[in-house]
Amino acid sequence: MNLVVLQKPSLCAKATWSDHRIPDKWWEKVDHRIHLHAKPVNLIARLIGAVTKPGDLVVGLAAGTFTVMH
């Protein structure tokens, strides 16, 4: 499974990652019985935390397993 995170530069302010210690390989187990393309919940939380601030709106467009909502 591969996960790619793309971030476009902000139009109104310089966007930066607040967490530069996310490892290249993530070893969290995922239960694929729930959904074939389930993503690691803790990885998604870490990525969201790295690029957002408290109060930001996060949209999970492919909400098959509702990982972003967790």
N, C-alpha and C. Protein backbone atom coordinates (compact mmCIF):
# COMPACT_ATOMS: atom_id res chain seq x y z
N MET A 1 0.84 -1.17 0.00
CA MET A 1 0.00 0.00 0.00
C MET A 1 0.89 1.24 0.00
N ASN A 2 0.58 2.18 -0.85
CA ASN A 2 1.31 3.44 -0.91
C ASN A 2 0.37 4.57 -0.56
N LEU A 3 0.91 5.57 0.12
CA LEU A 3 0.14 6.75 0.46
C LEU A 3 0.97 7.96 0.09
N VAL A 4 0.43 8.84 -0.72
CA VAL A 4 1.13 10.04 -1.16
C VAL A 4 0.40 11.25 -0.62
N VAL A 5 1.13 12.16 -0.01
CA VAL A 5 0.55 13.40 0.50
C VAL A 5 1.11 14.54 -0.31
N LEU A 6 0.24 15.30 -0.93
CA LEU A 6 0.64 16.45 -1.72
C LEU A 6 0.10 17.70 -1.06
N GLN A 7 0.91 18.72 -1.03
CA GLN A 7 0.47 19.97 -0.42
C GLN A 7 0.83 21.11 -1.35
N LYS A 8 -0.19 21.85 -1.80
CA LYS A 8 0.05 23.01 -2.63
C LYS A 8 0.41 24.19 -1.74
N PRO A 9 1.25 25.09 -2.22
CA PRO A 9 1.56 26.29 -1.43
C PRO A 9 0.29 27.10 -1.18
N SER A 10 0.17 27.63 0.01
CA SER A 10 -0.98 28.45 0.36
C SER A 10 -0.96 29.75 -0.42
N LEU A 11 -2.14 30.22 -0.81
CA LEU A 11 -2.23 31.48 -1.53
C LEU A 11 -2.14 32.68 -0.61
N CYS A 12 -2.50 32.50 0.67
CA CYS A 12 -2.54 33.65 1.57
C CYS A 12 -1.42 33.64 2.62
N ALA A 13 -0.80 32.52 2.83
CA ALA A 13 0.28 32.46 3.82
C ALA A 13 1.19 31.29 3.48
N LYS A 14 2.40 31.33 3.98
CA LYS A 14 3.33 30.24 3.71
C LYS A 14 2.93 29.01 4.53
N ALA A 15 2.61 27.94 3.85
CA ALA A 15 2.21 26.69 4.52
C ALA A 15 3.44 25.88 4.87
N THR A 16 3.47 25.36 6.07
CA THR A 16 4.60 24.55 6.49
C THR A 16 4.13 23.33 7.24
N TRP A 17 4.96 22.31 7.23
CA TRP A 17 4.72 21.11 8.02
C TRP A 17 5.18 21.41 9.45
N SER A 18 4.36 21.08 10.42
CA SER A 18 4.75 21.30 11.81
C SER A 18 5.42 20.06 12.40
N ASP A 19 5.33 18.93 11.73
CA ASP A 19 5.91 17.68 12.21
C ASP A 19 6.85 17.14 11.14
N HIS A 20 8.14 17.26 11.36
CA HIS A 20 9.13 16.82 10.38
C HIS A 20 9.71 15.45 10.73
N ARG A 21 9.12 14.77 11.69
CA ARG A 21 9.66 13.49 12.14
C ARG A 21 8.77 12.30 11.78
N ILE A 22 7.91 12.45 10.80
CA ILE A 22 7.08 11.34 10.35
C ILE A 22 7.98 10.38 9.58
N PRO A 23 8.03 9.12 9.98
CA PRO A 23 8.94 8.17 9.33
C PRO A 23 8.54 7.86 7.89
N ASP A 24 9.53 7.44 7.10
CA ASP A 24 9.29 7.07 5.71
C ASP A 24 8.45 5.81 5.59
N LYS A 25 8.58 4.91 6.53
CA LYS A 25 7.79 3.68 6.55
C LYS A 25 6.96 3.66 7.82
N TRP A 26 5.71 3.33 7.67
CA TRP A 26 4.78 3.32 8.80
C TRP A 26 4.33 1.89 9.02
N TRP A 27 4.51 1.37 10.23
CA TRP A 27 4.29 -0.04 10.49
C TRP A 27 3.02 -0.32 11.28
N GLU A 28 2.00 0.46 11.10
CA GLU A 28 0.73 0.24 11.78
C GLU A 28 -0.11 -0.79 11.00
N LYS A 29 -0.64 -1.76 11.71
CA LYS A 29 -1.47 -2.77 11.05
C LYS A 29 -2.85 -2.19 10.73
N VAL A 30 -3.38 -2.61 9.60
CA VAL A 30 -4.68 -2.15 9.15
C VAL A 30 -5.55 -3.38 8.91
N ASP A 31 -6.79 -3.31 9.38
CA ASP A 31 -7.72 -4.42 9.19
C ASP A 31 -8.42 -4.25 7.85
N HIS A 32 -7.97 -4.98 6.84
CA HIS A 32 -8.53 -4.85 5.50
C HIS A 32 -9.87 -5.57 5.36
N ARG A 33 -10.32 -6.24 6.43
CA ARG A 33 -11.67 -6.82 6.39
C ARG A 33 -12.72 -5.73 6.47
N ILE A 34 -12.37 -4.59 7.09
CA ILE A 34 -13.29 -3.46 7.20
C ILE A 34 -13.50 -2.82 5.83
N HIS A 35 -12.39 -2.58 5.13
CA HIS A 35 -12.42 -1.97 3.80
C HIS A 35 -11.13 -2.34 3.09
N LEU A 36 -11.22 -2.65 1.82
CA LEU A 36 -10.06 -3.10 1.06
C LEU A 36 -8.93 -2.09 1.05
N HIS A 37 -9.26 -0.80 1.05
CA HIS A 37 -8.25 0.25 0.96
C HIS A 37 -8.13 1.06 2.25
N ALA A 38 -8.34 0.42 3.37
CA ALA A 38 -8.26 1.11 4.66
C ALA A 38 -6.84 1.65 4.88
N LYS A 39 -6.75 2.82 5.48
CA LYS A 39 -5.46 3.46 5.77
C LYS A 39 -5.21 3.44 7.27
N PRO A 40 -3.95 3.47 7.70
CA PRO A 40 -3.63 3.48 9.13
C PRO A 40 -4.16 4.75 9.81
N VAL A 41 -4.99 4.58 10.81
CA VAL A 41 -5.63 5.72 11.49
C VAL A 41 -4.59 6.65 12.13
N ASN A 42 -3.59 6.09 12.79
CA ASN A 42 -2.59 6.94 13.46
C ASN A 42 -1.73 7.70 12.46
N LEU A 43 -1.47 7.12 11.30
CA LEU A 43 -0.72 7.83 10.26
C LEU A 43 -1.54 8.99 9.72
N ILE A 44 -2.80 8.75 9.43
CA ILE A 44 -3.66 9.82 8.92
C ILE A 44 -3.75 10.96 9.94
N ALA A 45 -3.90 10.62 11.22
CA ALA A 45 -3.95 11.64 12.28
C ALA A 45 -2.66 12.45 12.33
N ARG A 46 -1.54 11.77 12.19
CA ARG A 46 -0.24 12.46 12.23
C ARG A 46 -0.07 13.39 11.03
N LEU A 47 -0.47 12.93 9.85
CA LEU A 47 -0.37 13.77 8.65
C LEU A 47 -1.29 14.98 8.73
N ILE A 48 -2.51 14.77 9.20
CA ILE A 48 -3.44 15.90 9.36
C ILE A 48 -2.88 16.90 10.37
N GLY A 49 -2.35 16.39 11.48
CA GLY A 49 -1.77 17.27 12.49
C GLY A 49 -0.56 18.04 11.99
N ALA A 50 0.16 17.47 11.03
CA ALA A 50 1.37 18.12 10.52
C ALA A 50 1.07 19.30 9.60
N VAL A 51 -0.11 19.32 8.99
CA VAL A 51 -0.39 20.36 8.00
C VAL A 51 -1.60 21.23 8.35
N THR A 52 -2.18 21.04 9.53
CA THR A 52 -3.33 21.86 9.92
C THR A 52 -3.09 22.51 11.28
N LYS A 53 -3.97 23.46 11.58
CA LYS A 53 -3.96 24.10 12.89
C LYS A 53 -5.30 23.80 13.56
N PRO A 54 -5.38 23.90 14.89
CA PRO A 54 -6.67 23.69 15.56
C PRO A 54 -7.74 24.61 14.96
N GLY A 55 -8.89 24.03 14.68
CA GLY A 55 -9.98 24.80 14.09
C GLY A 55 -10.06 24.72 12.58
N ASP A 56 -9.01 24.19 11.92
CA ASP A 56 -9.05 24.04 10.46
C ASP A 56 -10.08 22.99 10.08
N LEU A 57 -10.64 23.13 8.90
CA LEU A 57 -11.59 22.16 8.37
C LEU A 57 -10.83 21.11 7.58
N VAL A 58 -11.08 19.84 7.89
CA VAL A 58 -10.46 18.73 7.18
C VAL A 58 -11.58 17.93 6.53
N VAL A 59 -11.45 17.69 5.23
CA VAL A 59 -12.47 16.97 4.48
C VAL A 59 -11.89 15.63 4.01
N GLY A 60 -12.59 14.55 4.34
CA GLY A 60 -12.19 13.22 3.86
C GLY A 60 -13.01 12.88 2.63
N LEU A 61 -12.51 13.22 1.45
CA LEU A 61 -13.28 13.06 0.22
C LEU A 61 -13.56 11.59 -0.11
N ALA A 62 -12.65 10.71 0.23
CA ALA A 62 -12.84 9.29 -0.03
C ALA A 62 -13.15 8.61 1.30
N ALA A 63 -14.30 8.87 1.84
CA ALA A 63 -14.65 8.46 3.21
C ALA A 63 -15.19 7.04 3.28
N GLY A 64 -14.53 6.10 2.63
CA GLY A 64 -15.00 4.71 2.65
C GLY A 64 -14.96 4.08 4.02
N THR A 65 -13.91 4.37 4.79
CA THR A 65 -13.80 3.80 6.14
C THR A 65 -13.91 4.88 7.21
N PHE A 66 -14.11 6.12 6.82
CA PHE A 66 -14.25 7.25 7.75
C PHE A 66 -13.01 7.43 8.63
N THR A 67 -11.83 7.11 8.09
CA THR A 67 -10.57 7.23 8.83
C THR A 67 -10.32 8.67 9.27
N VAL A 68 -10.56 9.62 8.39
CA VAL A 68 -10.33 11.04 8.71
C VAL A 68 -11.22 11.47 9.86
N MET A 69 -12.45 10.97 9.90
CA MET A 69 -13.37 11.34 10.98
C MET A 69 -12.93 10.78 12.34
N HIS A 70 -12.24 9.67 12.34
CA HIS A 70 -11.75 9.10 13.61
C HIS A 70 -10.67 10.00 14.17
